[in-house]
């Protein structure tokens, strides 16, 4: 039959390799000031060790990256593409917004199953970005619907800021 020890050694080596790449990726992300909630387009891994599909998936998930490319090289290094395009930005803003709404839900003592109507008021450009990812936002925040109008006089309105952009949110 097959050698369990050899299989385990191979897995362990793969895991160590992937872990190193993730560590390098997190370091580069940190330097670029794009937090993990902001998706990046791609990472290039320079190395002489092959990445299989499964390893690539782990890297994508852990580093929130759309694409993993590989180039041959005698020593391991990575290049992270930290250029933002509109799609990546939109996804990042919505992820940040979802997190802030989740915090607000907690502060209100809402339970996981409690549905809300999420009301948002912000600049048109950001509104358009949010609209691209409405399903994700609804699912993440447990909102039955999202409305882009707010009664500013309500005490329940919260002012939040994401990367310098101001939003008002209200949970109903």
Protein backbone atom coordinates (compact mmCIF):
# COMPACT_ATOMS: atom_id res chain seq x y z
CA UNK A 1 0.00 0.00 0.00
CA UNK A 2 1.15 3.58 0.27
CA UNK A 3 3.45 5.03 2.82
CA UNK A 4 1.44 7.10 5.28
CA UNK A 5 4.62 8.72 6.58
CA UNK A 6 5.57 9.95 3.09
CA UNK A 7 2.07 11.33 2.47
CA UNK A 8 2.13 13.17 5.79
CA UNK A 9 5.58 14.59 5.10
CA UNK A 10 4.38 15.86 1.74
CA UNK A 11 1.30 17.48 3.31
CA UNK A 12 3.38 19.02 6.04
CA UNK A 13 5.81 20.47 3.52
CA UNK A 14 2.94 21.88 1.46
CA UNK A 15 1.37 23.37 4.56
CA UNK A 16 4.65 25.02 5.64
CA UNK A 17 5.10 26.41 2.16
CA UNK A 18 1.56 27.83 1.99
CA UNK A 19 1.93 29.25 5.49
CA UNK A 20 5.14 31.07 4.49
CA UNK A 21 3.38 32.59 1.47
CA UNK A 22 0.46 33.72 3.61
CA UNK A 23 2.85 35.27 6.12
CA UNK A 24 4.67 37.16 3.37
CA UNK A 25 1.33 38.20 1.91
CA UNK A 26 0.05 39.54 5.23
CA UNK A 27 3.29 41.48 5.69
CA UNK A 28 2.99 43.04 2.23
CA UNK A 29 -0.69 43.82 2.82
CA UNK A 30 0.25 45.56 6.04
CA UNK A 31 2.83 47.69 4.26
CA UNK A 32 0.33 48.63 1.56
CA UNK A 33 -2.27 49.68 4.17
CA UNK A 34 -5.02 47.60 2.56
CA UNK A 35 -6.65 45.57 5.33
CA UNK A 36 -7.79 41.99 4.81
CA UNK A 37 -11.36 43.04 4.07
CA UNK A 38 -10.18 44.71 0.87
CA UNK A 39 -9.81 42.19 -1.94
CA UNK A 40 -6.68 42.38 -4.07
CA UNK A 41 -6.46 41.27 -7.69
CA UNK A 42 -3.47 38.96 -7.58
CA UNK A 43 -0.37 37.58 -5.97
CA UNK A 44 2.61 36.20 -7.88
CA UNK A 45 4.54 33.52 -6.05
CA UNK A 46 8.15 33.08 -7.17
CA UNK A 47 9.48 29.68 -6.16
CA UNK A 48 10.67 26.33 -7.44
CA UNK A 49 8.00 24.46 -5.50
CA UNK A 50 4.71 23.84 -7.29
CA UNK A 51 1.44 25.15 -5.90
CA UNK A 52 -1.48 22.84 -6.56
CA UNK A 53 -5.08 24.03 -6.92
CA UNK A 54 -5.90 23.35 -3.29
CA UNK A 55 -2.89 25.33 -2.06
CA UNK A 56 -3.84 28.22 -4.34
CA UNK A 57 -7.40 28.20 -2.94
CA UNK A 58 -6.10 28.42 0.64
CA UNK A 59 -3.87 31.37 -0.30
CA UNK A 60 -6.76 33.13 -2.07
CA UNK A 61 -9.05 32.67 0.91
CA UNK A 62 -6.57 33.57 3.62
CA UNK A 63 -5.25 36.66 1.83
CA UNK A 64 -8.52 37.71 0.12
CA UNK A 65 -6.94 37.64 -3.32
CA UNK A 66 -8.67 36.89 -6.61
CA UNK A 67 -5.84 35.16 -8.45
CA UNK A 68 -2.63 33.29 -7.65
CA UNK A 69 0.08 33.10 -10.30
CA UNK A 70 3.33 31.22 -10.09
CA UNK A 71 6.76 31.90 -11.58
CA UNK A 72 9.90 29.80 -11.34
CA UNK A 73 12.61 31.08 -9.02
CA UNK A 74 15.30 29.56 -6.84
CA UNK A 75 14.22 31.41 -3.76
CA UNK A 76 10.78 32.18 -2.44
CA UNK A 77 9.40 35.66 -2.80
CA UNK A 78 6.03 37.17 -3.62
CA UNK A 79 4.65 40.15 -5.45
CA UNK A 80 1.31 41.51 -4.39
CA UNK A 81 -0.71 43.60 -6.79
CA UNK A 82 -2.13 46.30 -4.51
CA UNK A 83 -3.63 48.39 -7.30
CA UNK A 84 -7.30 48.95 -6.70
CA UNK A 85 -9.84 48.96 -9.47
CA UNK A 86 -13.48 49.93 -9.06
CA UNK A 87 -14.72 46.37 -8.54
CA UNK A 88 -12.21 45.62 -5.81
CA UNK A 89 -12.94 48.95 -4.13
CA UNK A 90 -16.68 48.35 -4.23
CA UNK A 91 -16.28 44.93 -2.64
CA UNK A 92 -13.97 46.34 0.04
CA UNK A 93 -16.33 49.16 0.98
CA UNK A 94 -19.25 46.74 1.25
CA UNK A 95 -17.25 44.35 3.45
CA UNK A 96 -16.28 47.21 5.76
CA UNK A 97 -19.86 48.49 5.79
CA UNK A 98 -21.18 45.02 6.64
CA UNK A 99 -18.76 44.82 9.56
CA UNK A 100 -19.86 48.20 10.90
CA UNK A 101 -23.52 47.22 10.59
CA UNK A 102 -22.77 43.98 12.46
CA UNK A 103 -21.20 46.01 15.28
CA UNK A 104 -24.28 48.22 15.36
CA UNK A 105 -26.52 45.13 15.45
CA UNK A 106 -24.59 43.81 18.46
CA UNK A 107 -24.83 47.14 20.27
CA UNK A 108 -28.58 47.08 19.72
CA UNK A 109 -28.77 43.61 21.25
CA UNK A 110 -30.13 42.09 18.06
CA UNK A 111 -29.95 38.33 17.73
CA UNK A 112 -28.62 36.49 14.71
CA UNK A 113 -32.09 35.72 13.38
CA UNK A 114 -33.52 39.23 13.81
CA UNK A 115 -34.13 40.81 10.41
CA UNK A 116 -33.56 44.51 9.87
CA UNK A 117 -34.20 47.11 7.20
CA UNK A 118 -30.86 48.79 6.55
CA UNK A 119 -31.02 52.45 5.60
CA UNK A 120 -27.97 54.15 4.14
CA UNK A 121 -27.23 57.70 3.14
CA UNK A 122 -23.97 58.53 1.40
CA UNK A 123 -22.47 60.07 -1.72
CA UNK A 124 -23.75 58.79 -5.07
CA UNK A 125 -20.45 57.19 -6.08
CA UNK A 126 -20.38 55.02 -2.96
CA UNK A 127 -24.09 54.26 -3.27
CA UNK A 128 -23.42 52.83 -6.74
CA UNK A 129 -20.61 50.67 -5.33
CA UNK A 130 -22.85 49.35 -2.58
CA UNK A 131 -25.61 48.56 -5.07
CA UNK A 132 -23.25 46.19 -6.89
CA UNK A 133 -23.04 43.97 -3.81
CA UNK A 134 -26.50 44.27 -2.30
CA UNK A 135 -27.04 40.52 -1.92
CA UNK A 136 -23.77 40.10 -0.06
CA UNK A 137 -24.59 43.07 2.18
CA UNK A 138 -28.11 41.79 2.95
CA UNK A 139 -26.83 38.31 3.72
CA UNK A 140 -23.98 39.54 5.93
CA UNK A 141 -26.12 41.96 7.91
CA UNK A 142 -29.35 39.94 7.92
CA UNK A 143 -31.29 42.72 6.20
CA UNK A 144 -34.56 42.05 4.45
CA UNK A 145 -33.96 45.17 2.38
CA UNK A 146 -31.56 48.06 1.91
CA UNK A 147 -32.87 51.58 1.35
CA UNK A 148 -30.87 54.58 0.27
CA UNK A 149 -32.73 57.23 2.20
CA UNK A 150 -32.64 58.23 5.83
CA UNK A 151 -34.65 60.45 8.13
CA UNK A 152 -31.73 62.51 9.40
CA UNK A 153 -33.63 63.64 12.50
CA UNK A 154 -33.90 60.10 13.89
CA UNK A 155 -31.79 59.42 16.97
CA UNK A 156 -31.05 55.97 15.62
CA UNK A 157 -28.92 57.31 12.77
CA UNK A 158 -25.21 56.48 13.13
CA UNK A 159 -22.43 58.36 11.36
CA UNK A 160 -19.66 56.10 10.16
CA UNK A 161 -16.57 56.56 8.04
CA UNK A 162 -14.82 54.10 5.74
CA UNK A 163 -11.47 55.18 4.31
CA UNK A 164 -12.42 58.84 4.51
CA UNK A 165 -15.90 58.42 3.05
CA UNK A 166 -18.81 59.36 5.29
CA UNK A 167 -22.00 57.35 5.58
CA UNK A 168 -25.11 57.54 7.71
CA UNK A 169 -26.71 54.23 8.60
CA UNK A 170 -29.89 53.32 10.40
CA UNK A 171 -31.19 49.90 11.40
CA UNK A 172 -34.95 49.44 11.53
